[in-house]
N, C-alpha and C. Protein backbone atom coordinates (compact mmCIF):
# COMPACT_ATOMS: atom_id res chain seq x y z
N MET A 1 111.41 29.11 132.13
CA MET A 1 112.60 29.45 133.24
C MET A 1 112.96 30.74 132.74
N SER A 2 113.14 31.69 133.63
CA SER A 2 113.57 32.91 133.36
C SER A 2 114.97 33.24 133.01
N GLY A 3 115.21 33.77 132.08
CA GLY A 3 116.79 34.03 131.79
C GLY A 3 117.35 33.03 130.93
N GLU A 4 116.43 31.92 130.48
CA GLU A 4 117.21 30.58 130.08
C GLU A 4 117.49 31.16 128.67
N ASN A 5 116.72 31.94 127.85
CA ASN A 5 117.27 32.52 126.38
C ASN A 5 117.86 33.84 126.56
N ASP A 6 118.13 34.28 127.60
CA ASP A 6 118.82 35.73 127.72
C ASP A 6 120.10 35.66 127.07
N THR A 7 120.34 36.43 125.97
CA THR A 7 121.63 36.38 125.46
C THR A 7 122.79 37.19 126.36
N SER A 8 122.21 38.08 127.15
CA SER A 8 123.30 38.73 127.93
C SER A 8 123.80 37.78 128.98
N LEU A 9 123.22 36.70 129.46
CA LEU A 9 123.79 35.64 130.19
C LEU A 9 124.92 34.77 129.57
N GLN A 10 124.83 34.82 127.85
CA GLN A 10 125.52 33.91 127.30
C GLN A 10 126.92 34.53 127.15
N GLN A 11 127.85 33.83 127.32
CA GLN A 11 129.37 34.27 127.25
C GLN A 11 129.99 33.93 125.91
N GLU A 12 130.73 34.88 125.27
CA GLU A 12 131.55 34.59 124.27
C GLU A 12 132.52 33.48 124.38
N PRO A 13 132.45 32.44 123.12
CA PRO A 13 133.37 31.46 123.38
C PRO A 13 134.89 32.10 123.37
N PRO A 14 135.71 31.18 124.20
CA PRO A 14 136.98 31.59 124.20
C PRO A 14 137.58 31.61 122.89
N ARG A 15 138.48 32.56 122.50
CA ARG A 15 139.20 32.91 121.40
C ARG A 15 140.36 31.86 121.29
N ARG A 16 140.47 31.16 120.06
CA ARG A 16 141.50 30.44 120.15
C ARG A 16 143.04 30.88 119.69
N LEU A 17 144.07 30.48 120.18
CA LEU A 17 145.27 31.08 120.12
C LEU A 17 145.69 30.68 118.55
N PRO A 18 146.25 31.84 118.00
CA PRO A 18 146.98 31.32 116.82
C PRO A 18 148.01 30.38 116.65
N VAL A 19 148.32 29.84 115.63
CA VAL A 19 149.63 29.01 115.58
C VAL A 19 150.90 30.06 115.87
N THR A 20 151.76 29.60 116.37
CA THR A 20 153.03 30.38 116.57
C THR A 20 153.55 30.58 114.89
N GLY A 21 153.66 31.89 114.94
CA GLY A 21 154.49 32.14 113.40
C GLY A 21 153.39 32.57 112.38
N THR A 22 152.11 32.78 112.96
CA THR A 22 150.99 33.23 112.10
C THR A 22 151.10 34.77 112.15
N LEU A 23 150.78 35.27 110.78
CA LEU A 23 150.91 36.70 110.65
C LEU A 23 149.82 37.53 111.12
N LEU A 24 149.93 38.28 111.90
CA LEU A 24 148.69 39.12 112.25
C LEU A 24 149.08 40.60 112.32
N ALA A 25 147.95 41.61 112.28
CA ALA A 25 147.89 43.00 112.30
C ALA A 25 147.32 43.27 113.31
N ASP A 26 147.93 44.32 114.12
CA ASP A 26 147.50 45.18 115.21
C ASP A 26 146.48 45.94 114.78
N ALA A 27 145.88 46.80 115.84
CA ALA A 27 144.83 48.03 115.83
C ALA A 27 145.65 49.12 114.82
N GLN A 28 147.11 49.38 114.98
CA GLN A 28 147.92 50.15 114.36
C GLN A 28 148.25 49.99 113.12
N ASP A 29 147.80 48.72 112.49
CA ASP A 29 148.26 48.23 111.45
C ASP A 29 149.65 47.60 111.05
N ARG A 30 150.21 47.34 112.50
CA ARG A 30 151.54 46.80 112.57
C ARG A 30 151.39 45.40 112.47
N VAL A 31 152.19 44.75 111.52
CA VAL A 31 151.87 43.24 111.17
C VAL A 31 153.25 42.53 111.92
N GLY A 32 153.24 41.54 112.65
CA GLY A 32 153.92 40.63 113.05
C GLY A 32 153.53 39.41 113.13
N GLU A 33 154.66 38.69 113.58
CA GLU A 33 154.37 36.85 113.81
C GLU A 33 153.81 36.77 115.11
N PHE A 34 152.93 35.91 115.37
CA PHE A 34 152.22 35.60 116.85
C PHE A 34 153.36 34.67 117.49
N ARG A 35 153.80 35.28 118.68
CA ARG A 35 154.83 34.46 119.27
C ARG A 35 154.17 33.83 120.75
N GLY A 36 153.21 34.10 121.01
CA GLY A 36 152.51 33.45 122.33
C GLY A 36 151.65 34.32 122.91
N GLU A 37 151.20 33.79 124.25
CA GLU A 37 150.16 34.65 125.03
C GLU A 37 150.69 34.53 126.42
N TRP A 38 150.53 35.50 127.22
CA TRP A 38 150.97 35.79 128.47
C TRP A 38 149.89 36.52 129.09
N GLY A 39 149.13 36.06 130.52
CA GLY A 39 148.20 36.89 131.31
C GLY A 39 147.06 37.23 130.34
N GLY A 40 146.69 36.71 129.16
CA GLY A 40 145.63 37.19 128.55
C GLY A 40 146.01 38.10 127.55
N ARG A 41 147.26 38.41 127.31
CA ARG A 41 147.92 39.74 126.18
C ARG A 41 148.58 38.66 124.98
N TRP A 42 148.54 38.90 123.92
CA TRP A 42 149.20 38.32 122.93
C TRP A 42 150.55 39.00 122.44
N PHE A 43 151.48 38.22 122.29
CA PHE A 43 152.99 38.81 121.65
C PHE A 43 153.19 38.80 120.39
N LEU A 44 153.44 39.77 119.46
CA LEU A 44 153.74 39.70 118.26
C LEU A 44 155.22 40.18 118.23
N ARG A 45 155.78 39.64 117.14
CA ARG A 45 157.07 39.88 117.11
C ARG A 45 157.45 40.57 115.41
N PRO A 46 158.05 41.70 115.32
CA PRO A 46 158.21 42.59 114.15
C PRO A 46 158.87 41.56 113.10
N VAL A 47 158.33 41.68 111.81
CA VAL A 47 158.60 40.82 110.64
C VAL A 47 160.12 40.74 110.52
N SER A 48 160.77 42.09 110.52
CA SER A 48 162.20 41.89 110.33
C SER A 48 163.11 41.72 111.55
N GLY A 49 162.49 41.20 112.69
CA GLY A 49 163.32 40.67 113.81
C GLY A 49 162.93 42.12 114.80
N GLY A 50 163.48 41.70 115.91
CA GLY A 50 163.35 42.82 117.03
C GLY A 50 162.73 42.33 118.32
N THR A 51 162.33 43.39 119.05
CA THR A 51 161.49 42.93 120.38
C THR A 51 160.01 43.03 120.10
N ALA A 52 159.36 41.99 120.64
CA ALA A 52 158.18 41.64 120.28
C ALA A 52 157.32 42.61 121.16
N TRP A 53 156.06 42.80 120.88
CA TRP A 53 154.90 43.82 121.43
C TRP A 53 153.90 43.25 121.91
N GLN A 54 153.10 43.64 122.92
CA GLN A 54 151.93 42.88 123.38
C GLN A 54 150.88 43.64 122.97
N VAL A 55 149.54 43.01 122.63
CA VAL A 55 148.38 43.37 122.16
C VAL A 55 147.15 42.77 122.95
N ASP A 56 146.13 43.14 122.92
CA ASP A 56 144.98 42.58 123.24
C ASP A 56 144.43 41.88 122.09
N PRO A 57 143.96 40.44 122.29
CA PRO A 57 143.38 39.67 121.25
C PRO A 57 142.21 40.40 120.62
N GLU A 58 141.46 41.14 121.00
CA GLU A 58 140.47 41.67 120.30
C GLU A 58 140.94 42.69 119.55
N ASP A 59 142.07 43.25 119.54
CA ASP A 59 142.66 44.31 118.69
C ASP A 59 143.59 43.80 117.54
N VAL A 60 143.65 42.39 117.36
CA VAL A 60 144.31 41.64 116.26
C VAL A 60 143.27 41.10 115.27
N ARG A 61 143.75 40.93 114.07
CA ARG A 61 142.97 40.52 112.79
C ARG A 61 144.16 39.98 111.95
N PRO A 62 143.94 38.69 111.18
CA PRO A 62 144.92 38.22 110.38
C PRO A 62 145.45 39.32 109.36
N ALA A 63 146.53 38.98 108.90
CA ALA A 63 147.25 40.00 108.03
C ALA A 63 146.39 39.75 106.73
N THR A 64 146.58 40.98 106.00
CA THR A 64 145.68 40.85 104.45
C THR A 64 146.89 40.09 103.60
N ALA A 65 146.54 39.90 102.27
CA ALA A 65 147.28 39.04 101.34
C ALA A 65 148.37 40.04 101.17
N GLU A 66 148.23 41.28 100.87
CA GLU A 66 149.22 42.28 100.66
C GLU A 66 150.10 42.28 101.80
N GLN A 67 149.59 42.57 102.98
CA GLN A 67 150.80 42.55 104.10
C GLN A 67 151.55 41.18 104.35
N ARG A 68 151.07 40.10 103.92
CA ARG A 68 151.80 38.75 103.93
C ARG A 68 152.64 39.06 102.69
N LEU A 69 152.53 39.34 101.56
CA LEU A 69 153.38 39.51 100.21
C LEU A 69 154.50 40.35 101.03
N ARG A 70 154.21 41.64 101.58
CA ARG A 70 155.27 42.50 102.08
C ARG A 70 156.36 41.67 103.03
N PHE A 71 155.53 40.89 103.87
CA PHE A 71 156.38 40.18 104.93
C PHE A 71 157.57 39.13 104.22
N GLY A 72 156.96 38.55 103.29
CA GLY A 72 157.43 37.52 102.58
C GLY A 72 158.86 38.18 101.84
N THR A 73 158.54 39.34 101.29
CA THR A 73 159.68 39.97 100.57
C THR A 73 160.49 40.62 101.68
N ALA A 74 160.08 41.15 102.90
CA ALA A 74 161.30 41.64 103.73
C ALA A 74 161.84 40.45 104.12
N ARG A 75 161.16 39.31 104.44
CA ARG A 75 162.23 38.21 105.03
C ARG A 75 163.14 37.88 104.25
N ALA A 76 162.91 37.66 102.89
CA ALA A 76 163.71 37.10 101.86
C ALA A 76 165.00 38.17 101.79
N ASN A 77 164.64 39.56 101.63
CA ASN A 77 165.63 40.46 101.51
C ASN A 77 166.60 40.28 103.00
N ALA A 78 166.04 40.35 103.94
CA ALA A 78 166.90 40.28 105.23
C ALA A 78 167.85 38.82 105.15
N ARG A 79 167.19 37.85 104.62
CA ARG A 79 168.06 36.53 104.34
C ARG A 79 169.21 36.82 103.48
N SER A 80 168.95 37.61 102.41
CA SER A 80 169.96 37.86 101.23
C SER A 80 171.15 38.79 101.83
N ARG A 81 170.71 39.34 102.83
CA ARG A 81 171.78 40.26 103.47
C ARG A 81 172.48 39.75 104.64
N GLY A 82 172.01 38.50 104.80
CA GLY A 82 172.44 37.55 106.15
C GLY A 82 172.15 38.09 107.42
N ASP A 83 171.09 38.72 107.40
CA ASP A 83 170.45 39.21 108.97
C ASP A 83 169.97 37.97 109.50
N VAL A 84 169.99 37.85 110.81
CA VAL A 84 169.52 36.88 111.40
C VAL A 84 168.17 37.14 112.09
N LEU A 85 167.36 36.44 111.77
CA LEU A 85 165.74 36.70 112.22
C LEU A 85 165.37 36.04 113.18
């Protein structure tokens, strides 16, 4: 059968949504917590609080160990100052 093994006809499996709160880095290397999805776009919230920004799922990767460590330090410092995150 023609086209049966044609990889151009195969679709990429859908990308799974991360768990809310997962640390991700975008194409500009900004790190944020995954907050949700709307209309095919993902929303990341800045580590120290603030307004979430939207990203294309294909432009996001898991945060590195160094970025996760920086996040933990920033969050601990914010809590010690009494900031609400």
